[in-house]
Amino acid sequence: MNKPNLSKIDISKHLSVKKGFSVLTSKKLINDLIKIFCINIKNKNFNLKNIGSFKLIHKKERLGRNPKTKKKFLITARKTISFISSKNLSKKLN
């Protein structure tokens, strides 16, 4: 499982092999976990102990420019997510 990009299917298959669940059950677990993350992130900050914290950021509307054609256009307001890893996770990775 050393792929640079993982899909939900890859994670589901790995979970089913490791824990003995069916792929369908693993898929449902992953989808439920993502729903829980989304619901909690919408309520501002979401902290996972010993992993890190997710933060909802509101970006304002701004003027952008295509670097190739130099044409200007409006970038709409949107929400993004910021992730800051915990010190424990950083220590394990280093």
Foldseek 3Di string as FASTA:
>chain_A
DPDPDDDLQNQLVVCCVVPVDDSVVSSVVSVVVVVVVVVVQVVAKDADPQFWIKGKDKAQKDWDADPVVRDIDIDHIDIDMDIDTDPNVVVVVD
